Amino acid sequence: MMPTLQQHQSQLLTQFRALQQVETHDVIAGFPLRSIRAFWVFLKCASKVADYLRFQFNADGMLVRGMNGAHSTFFCATFTKNFFSEYSFKRSVEGCKISVRALMAAVRCASSASGALDVYFVPDMSKAIFQVSVHAENGLSKRFNLFFEECEVVDPKVDDNVAACSFSCSGRKLFSIFEDTGLGAELEICVNGDVLKMISHHDDETDHGRASVELTQANFTNFQSNENSQITAALGSMELRNLLSISNGSAHSIDTQVYVTILDSNRPVLVKIQPEDVPGMSLNVVVATFDVHGIASPEDNGPNQMGPGSPCRSEEAGWKRGREDGDEPQNVQTSENNEGDDEELAPATPPSSPD
């Protein structure tokens, strides 16, 4: 008697979990379908900002860090245990640097699936391989081996004890505000008491490229500022807008609450993006500020000197980059199995660019 589809799927999952136990991996992170779709939305937003992601696994869950090429925008996504369907932890895994394009190729097939699905992240430090295993309801089984580089994990140190202004609102509303101010590369945030004004600069030499919107406390869920505060902070807006697009209102976007903290004119702006319907997930962003006078682009100050508000002003707060600029492409090995037997496919080489 031929086994049913459900029995065949159960056998595949049993074999996979048995293999996991034999190999005794340090970490095994399993995603339910709801979580892998949320992770896919995060990947799409992160790919517009960073070329590489740094993974870290500890007893509390998984952290994913990234930074833009100018080192002016840093983000760290936290996924706690309740984000996963299964989280087996034996030992910490630090600093797996993976091409975001390669990871998207592995996760794409899982995010579009319908029905029952099991997805596993299994980092193997001894082989420098980050394994992504997908087991679908129809019996399809895929395994992607992503080669990674080890890197040092560093977070920017920002003293946020004293803030000049803080506000919160829904992610969809803040994204629409960014849309209303246009797509300028620089954004000027002016706080005067309980009034907040956002000015988007499209052209530094004329006023024809400026668009602005004025907001009051009624526009926010919560708004706090010093009574006599008059602060103007300028920052690059494209990377922040790309990360906020996680709540852009599309079919697969995530409803979020966004908390923004403006510390001072010459200090970084802190943004926390908290999904409302995805437990165990949060995204923290640090955006450098720069000189308001002239609204010069952050790139003018160099990659490691982004001005007084930079989250990474020197190498001690930057990345340990592994290989220098001109990293070799990372190969991706995939195998597909419809009947329980692995079939090796030709290695694929994702696009690679300097970190």
Protein backbone atom coordinates (compact mmCIF):
# COMPACT_ATOMS: atom_id res chain seq x y z
CA MET A 1 0.00 0.00 0.00
CA MET A 2 1.43 3.39 -1.03
CA PRO A 3 1.90 5.88 1.83
CA THR A 4 -0.32 8.95 1.82
CA LEU A 5 1.06 12.43 1.25
CA GLN A 6 0.79 13.25 4.95
CA GLN A 7 2.63 10.05 5.89
CA HIS A 8 5.36 10.81 3.37
CA GLN A 9 5.77 14.32 4.76
CA SER A 10 5.90 12.97 8.32
CA GLN A 11 8.63 10.52 7.31
CA LEU A 12 10.70 13.31 5.78
CA LEU A 13 10.41 15.48 8.87
CA THR A 14 11.29 12.53 11.12
CA GLN A 15 14.40 11.82 9.04
CA PHE A 16 15.39 15.49 9.11
CA ARG A 17 15.01 15.81 12.89
CA ALA A 18 16.91 12.56 13.40
CA LEU A 19 19.75 13.95 11.29
CA GLN A 20 19.73 17.11 13.38
CA GLN A 21 20.13 15.11 16.58
CA VAL A 22 23.02 13.05 15.15
CA GLU A 23 24.90 16.14 13.95
CA THR A 24 24.28 17.97 17.26
CA HIS A 25 24.15 21.47 15.85
CA ASP A 26 24.67 24.43 18.16
CA VAL A 27 21.37 26.07 17.13
CA ILE A 28 18.27 24.93 15.25
CA ALA A 29 15.64 27.60 14.56
CA GLY A 30 12.32 26.46 13.09
CA PHE A 31 9.82 28.90 11.55
CA PRO A 32 6.04 28.49 11.25
CA LEU A 33 4.50 29.80 8.04
CA ARG A 34 3.29 33.04 9.70
CA SER A 35 6.81 33.86 10.93
CA ILE A 36 8.64 33.00 7.71
CA ARG A 37 6.35 35.39 5.82
CA ALA A 38 7.13 38.16 8.31
CA PHE A 39 10.83 37.37 8.01
CA TRP A 40 10.55 37.58 4.21
CA VAL A 41 9.01 41.07 4.46
CA PHE A 42 11.89 42.10 6.72
CA LEU A 43 14.44 40.68 4.24
CA LYS A 44 12.94 42.65 1.35
CA CYS A 45 13.23 45.89 3.34
CA ALA A 46 16.73 45.08 4.61
CA SER A 47 17.97 44.30 1.09
CA LYS A 48 17.31 47.94 0.10
CA VAL A 49 19.69 49.11 2.82
CA ALA A 50 22.45 46.50 3.29
CA ASP A 51 24.29 44.02 1.06
CA TYR A 52 25.17 41.69 3.94
CA LEU A 53 23.48 40.66 7.18
CA ARG A 54 25.21 39.57 10.39
CA PHE A 55 23.43 36.76 12.28
CA GLN A 56 23.86 36.05 15.96
CA PHE A 57 22.15 33.27 17.95
CA ASN A 58 21.99 33.17 21.74
CA ALA A 59 19.82 31.63 24.45
CA ASP A 60 17.10 34.27 23.95
CA GLY A 61 16.78 34.02 20.17
CA MET A 62 18.21 35.36 16.91
CA LEU A 63 19.58 38.83 16.12
CA VAL A 64 20.12 40.13 12.59
CA ARG A 65 22.23 43.27 12.04
CA GLY A 66 22.94 45.34 8.96
CA MET A 67 24.32 48.68 7.83
CA ASN A 68 24.26 50.74 4.66
CA GLY A 69 27.37 51.32 2.58
CA ALA A 70 27.92 54.84 3.94
CA HIS A 71 27.74 53.57 7.55
CA SER A 72 25.07 56.19 8.32
CA THR A 73 22.19 53.80 9.08
CA PHE A 74 22.46 50.77 11.38
CA PHE A 75 19.65 48.33 12.18
CA CYS A 76 19.24 45.31 14.40
CA ALA A 77 16.24 42.98 14.19
CA THR A 78 15.50 40.82 17.23
CA PHE A 79 13.57 37.54 16.98
CA THR A 80 12.86 35.97 20.37
CA LYS A 81 11.96 32.35 21.04
CA ASN A 82 8.21 32.84 20.66
CA PHE A 83 8.80 33.94 17.04
CA PHE A 84 9.85 30.36 16.22
CA SER A 85 7.98 27.07 16.19
CA GLU A 86 11.12 25.38 17.48
CA TYR A 87 14.30 26.83 18.94
CA SER A 88 16.96 24.37 20.04
CA PHE A 89 19.97 26.05 21.64
CA LYS A 90 23.20 24.42 22.83
CA ARG A 91 25.85 27.09 22.32
CA SER A 92 26.00 30.70 21.13
CA VAL A 93 26.73 31.37 17.47
CA GLU A 94 28.38 34.74 16.85
CA GLY A 95 28.88 36.76 13.72
CA CYS A 96 27.68 34.89 10.59
CA LYS A 97 28.02 37.34 7.68
CA ILE A 98 25.71 36.29 4.82
CA SER A 99 24.80 37.86 1.49
CA VAL A 100 21.24 39.17 1.78
CA ARG A 101 20.55 38.25 -1.87
CA ALA A 102 21.62 34.66 -1.30
CA LEU A 103 19.40 34.39 1.77
CA MET A 104 16.44 35.87 -0.11
CA ALA A 105 16.83 33.23 -2.81
CA ALA A 106 16.55 30.51 -0.15
CA VAL A 107 13.60 32.02 1.74
CA ARG A 108 11.58 33.17 -1.29
CA CYS A 109 10.13 29.74 -2.07
CA ALA A 110 9.03 29.28 1.55
CA SER A 111 7.35 32.69 1.89
CA SER A 112 5.09 32.07 -1.11
CA ALA A 113 3.99 28.59 -0.06
CA SER A 114 0.46 27.77 1.04
CA GLY A 115 -0.46 25.18 3.63
CA ALA A 116 1.73 23.50 6.22
CA LEU A 117 5.41 24.36 6.04
CA ASP A 118 8.53 23.82 8.12
CA VAL A 119 11.58 26.05 7.64
CA TYR A 120 14.80 25.61 9.62
CA PHE A 121 17.92 27.78 10.00
CA VAL A 122 20.89 25.63 11.04
CA PRO A 123 24.27 27.45 11.27
CA ASP A 124 27.29 25.13 11.16
CA MET A 125 30.37 27.00 12.39
CA SER A 126 32.75 24.09 11.75
CA LYS A 127 31.93 24.12 8.01
CA ALA A 128 31.10 27.84 7.70
CA ILE A 129 27.73 26.86 6.24
CA PHE A 130 24.36 28.41 7.07
CA GLN A 131 21.77 25.77 6.18
CA VAL A 132 18.19 26.69 5.24
CA SER A 133 15.89 23.66 5.02
CA VAL A 134 12.35 23.89 3.65
CA HIS A 135 9.74 21.12 4.00
CA ALA A 136 6.41 21.80 2.31
CA GLU A 137 2.97 20.22 2.64
CA ASN A 138 3.18 18.54 -0.78
CA GLY A 139 6.30 16.58 0.20
CA LEU A 140 8.75 18.95 -1.48
CA SER A 141 12.00 19.22 0.45
CA LYS A 142 14.76 21.74 -0.30
CA ARG A 143 18.06 22.45 1.36
CA PHE A 144 20.19 25.56 0.74
CA ASN A 145 23.77 25.75 1.99
CA LEU A 146 24.90 29.37 2.25
CA PHE A 147 28.59 29.94 2.89
CA PHE A 148 29.26 32.68 5.41
CA GLU A 149 32.19 34.59 6.86
CA GLU A 150 32.79 34.99 10.56
CA CYS A 151 32.73 38.60 11.73
CA GLU A 152 32.80 40.56 14.96
CA VAL A 153 29.43 41.67 16.30
CA VAL A 154 29.46 45.34 17.34
CA ASP A 155 26.56 47.59 18.30
CA PRO A 156 26.79 51.41 18.21
CA LYS A 157 26.89 52.94 21.68
CA VAL A 158 24.30 55.66 22.04
CA ASP A 159 23.40 57.33 25.33
CA ASP A 160 19.62 57.73 25.18
CA ASN A 161 18.98 58.70 28.80
CA VAL A 162 18.09 62.29 27.88
CA ALA A 163 15.91 62.94 24.82
CA ALA A 164 14.83 66.31 23.47
CA CYS A 165 11.77 64.85 21.73
CA SER A 166 10.06 61.50 21.30
CA PHE A 167 6.90 60.47 19.51
CA SER A 168 5.11 57.35 18.33
CA CYS A 169 2.48 56.46 15.74
CA SER A 170 1.54 53.58 13.48
CA GLY A 171 4.15 52.52 10.96
CA ARG A 172 1.71 52.94 8.11
CA LYS A 173 1.00 56.54 9.12
CA LEU A 174 4.68 57.47 9.43
CA PHE A 175 5.44 55.85 6.08
CA SER A 176 2.65 57.91 4.49
CA ILE A 177 4.16 61.07 6.04
CA PHE A 178 7.47 60.20 4.39
CA GLU A 179 5.59 59.74 1.13
CA ASP A 180 3.90 63.15 1.54
CA THR A 181 7.26 64.89 1.94
CA GLY A 182 8.52 63.33 -1.29
CA LEU A 183 11.56 61.18 -1.99
CA GLY A 184 14.36 63.60 -1.13
CA ALA A 185 17.69 62.15 -0.06
CA GLU A 186 17.86 64.40 3.04
CA LEU A 187 15.21 64.94 5.68
CA GLU A 188 15.21 67.85 8.12
CA ILE A 189 13.21 67.38 11.36
CA CYS A 190 12.47 70.62 13.22
CA VAL A 191 10.99 70.53 16.73
CA ASN A 192 9.63 73.73 18.24
CA GLY A 193 7.80 73.01 21.48
CA ASP A 194 4.84 70.80 20.61
CA VAL A 195 5.11 71.31 16.83
CA LEU A 196 7.16 69.04 14.61
CA LYS A 197 7.99 69.89 11.00
CA MET A 198 9.53 67.56 8.42
CA ILE A 199 11.27 69.06 5.39
CA SER A 200 12.45 66.89 2.51
CA HIS A 201 15.29 68.32 0.42
CA HIS A 202 15.46 67.31 -3.24
CA ASP A 203 17.85 70.04 -4.46
CA ASP A 204 20.42 71.71 -2.23
CA GLU A 205 20.71 74.89 -4.32
CA THR A 206 17.08 75.91 -4.80
CA ASP A 207 13.84 75.86 -2.88
CA HIS A 208 12.03 74.15 -5.75
CA GLY A 209 13.07 70.76 -4.43
CA ARG A 210 11.66 71.20 -0.92
CA ALA A 211 8.51 69.64 0.45
CA SER A 212 7.36 69.96 4.04
CA VAL A 213 4.65 68.80 6.40
CA GLU A 214 3.81 70.28 9.82
CA LEU A 215 2.56 68.00 12.59
CA THR A 216 1.19 68.51 16.10
CA GLN A 217 0.53 66.27 19.07
CA ALA A 218 -2.83 65.25 17.58
CA ASN A 219 -1.00 63.49 14.73
CA PHE A 220 0.73 61.04 17.05
CA THR A 221 -0.23 58.32 19.50
CA ASN A 222 2.22 59.84 21.95
CA PHE A 223 4.30 63.04 21.72
CA GLN A 224 6.73 64.37 24.31
CA SER A 225 9.18 67.26 24.06
CA ASN A 226 10.79 69.86 26.27
CA GLU A 227 8.63 72.98 26.46
CA ASN A 228 11.35 75.32 25.23
CA SER A 229 13.09 72.87 22.91
CA GLN A 230 14.04 74.15 19.46
CA ILE A 231 15.93 71.42 17.67
CA THR A 232 16.71 70.77 14.05
CA ALA A 233 18.13 67.37 13.06
CA ALA A 234 19.10 66.46 9.49
CA LEU A 235 19.49 62.89 8.33
CA GLY A 236 19.58 60.73 5.24
CA SER A 237 16.00 59.62 4.71
CA MET A 238 16.11 56.90 2.05
CA GLU A 239 17.38 54.07 4.24
CA LEU A 240 14.91 54.86 7.03
CA ARG A 241 12.08 55.08 4.51
CA ASN A 242 13.07 51.68 3.09
CA LEU A 243 12.96 50.10 6.54
CA LEU A 244 9.61 51.75 7.28
CA SER A 245 8.23 50.20 4.09
CA ILE A 246 7.67 47.08 6.18
CA SER A 247 4.36 48.86 6.93
CA ASN A 248 3.67 50.34 3.49
CA GLY A 249 0.12 48.97 3.33
CA SER A 250 0.77 46.34 0.66
CA ALA A 251 -0.81 42.88 0.77
CA HIS A 252 2.09 41.36 2.75
CA SER A 253 3.05 44.37 4.89
CA ILE A 254 3.11 44.18 8.68
CA ASP A 255 1.11 46.44 11.00
CA THR A 256 3.58 48.15 13.30
CA GLN A 257 3.90 50.83 15.95
CA VAL A 258 6.93 53.10 15.49
CA TYR A 259 8.74 54.94 18.30
CA VAL A 260 11.10 57.79 17.32
CA THR A 261 13.55 59.45 19.72
CA ILE A 262 15.40 62.67 18.80
CA LEU A 263 18.27 63.08 21.25
CA ASP A 264 19.74 66.38 20.02
CA SER A 265 20.66 68.22 16.83
CA ASN A 266 24.07 66.57 16.53
CA ARG A 267 23.25 63.09 17.83
CA PRO A 268 21.74 60.02 16.14
CA VAL A 269 18.00 59.57 15.76
CA LEU A 270 16.69 56.33 17.28
CA VAL A 271 13.77 54.45 15.75
CA LYS A 272 12.07 51.33 17.08
CA ILE A 273 9.66 49.43 14.81
CA GLN A 274 7.41 47.07 16.78
CA PRO A 275 5.10 44.71 14.83
CA GLU A 276 1.64 44.49 16.39
CA ASP A 277 0.54 41.11 15.02
CA VAL A 278 3.89 39.25 14.91
CA PRO A 279 4.96 38.25 18.44
CA GLY A 280 8.65 38.02 19.20
CA MET A 281 9.87 40.42 16.49
CA SER A 282 11.22 43.98 16.75
CA LEU A 283 13.51 46.24 14.71
CA ASN A 284 15.80 48.96 16.11
CA VAL A 285 17.35 51.56 13.82
CA VAL A 286 20.08 54.15 14.48
CA VAL A 287 20.32 56.95 11.89
CA ALA A 288 23.21 59.43 11.78
CA THR A 289 22.57 63.17 11.73
CA PHE A 290 24.77 65.73 10.01
CA ASP A 291 25.29 69.46 9.68
CA VAL A 292 22.02 71.22 8.92
CA HIS A 293 23.71 74.24 7.31
CA GLY A 294 23.94 73.54 3.61
CA ILE A 295 22.33 70.07 4.04
CA ALA A 296 25.36 68.27 2.71
CA SER A 297 25.05 64.60 1.93
CA PRO A 298 26.51 62.27 4.62
CA GLU A 299 28.75 60.64 1.99
CA ASP A 300 30.75 63.91 1.82
CA ASN A 301 32.29 63.14 5.19
CA GLY A 302 33.59 59.70 4.22
CA PRO A 303 32.40 56.18 5.09
CA ASN A 304 33.63 56.13 8.70
CA GLN A 305 33.22 59.84 9.57
CA MET A 306 29.55 60.68 9.17
CA GLY A 307 29.64 63.82 11.32
CA PRO A 308 28.83 64.26 15.02
CA GLY A 309 25.61 62.26 14.90
CA SER A 310 27.03 59.14 13.28
CA PRO A 311 26.42 55.76 14.95
CA CYS A 312 29.81 54.56 13.67
CA ARG A 313 32.31 57.42 13.60
CA SER A 314 35.42 55.24 13.73
CA GLU A 315 36.60 51.70 13.22
CA GLU A 316 36.13 50.84 16.90
CA ALA A 317 32.36 51.21 16.39
CA GLY A 318 32.34 49.71 12.91
CA TRP A 319 32.36 46.20 11.52
CA LYS A 320 35.23 43.78 11.51
CA ARG A 321 34.93 43.25 7.80
CA GLY A 322 36.57 39.81 7.36
CA ARG A 323 38.02 40.32 3.91
CA GLU A 324 38.47 43.89 2.70
CA ASP A 325 36.46 45.58 -0.02
CA GLY A 326 36.09 43.34 -3.03
CA ASP A 327 34.84 40.31 -1.12
CA GLU A 328 34.66 37.20 -3.23
CA PRO A 329 31.17 36.05 -4.20
CA GLN A 330 29.54 33.55 -1.88
CA ASN A 331 28.44 30.31 -3.45
CA VAL A 332 25.05 28.83 -2.73
CA GLN A 333 24.60 25.09 -2.89
CA THR A 334 21.04 23.84 -3.19
CA SER A 335 19.52 20.44 -3.18
CA GLU A 336 15.94 19.49 -3.98
CA ASN A 337 14.15 16.35 -2.93
CA ASN A 338 10.69 15.25 -3.98
CA GLU A 339 11.01 11.62 -3.02
CA GLY A 340 13.29 11.77 0.00
CA ASP A 341 16.62 11.56 -1.93
CA ASP A 342 18.93 14.56 -2.22
CA GLU A 343 19.72 15.72 -5.72
CA GLU A 344 22.59 18.22 -5.94
CA LEU A 345 21.96 21.13 -8.26
CA ALA A 346 24.56 23.32 -9.90
CA PRO A 347 26.02 25.88 -7.49
CA ALA A 348 24.57 29.36 -7.87
CA THR A 349 26.57 32.51 -7.30
CA PRO A 350 24.54 35.44 -6.01
CA PRO A 351 25.50 39.00 -6.92
CA SER A 352 28.10 40.39 -4.57
CA SER A 353 29.23 43.90 -3.84
CA PRO A 354 31.70 45.40 -1.36
CA ASP A 355 30.39 45.52 2.16
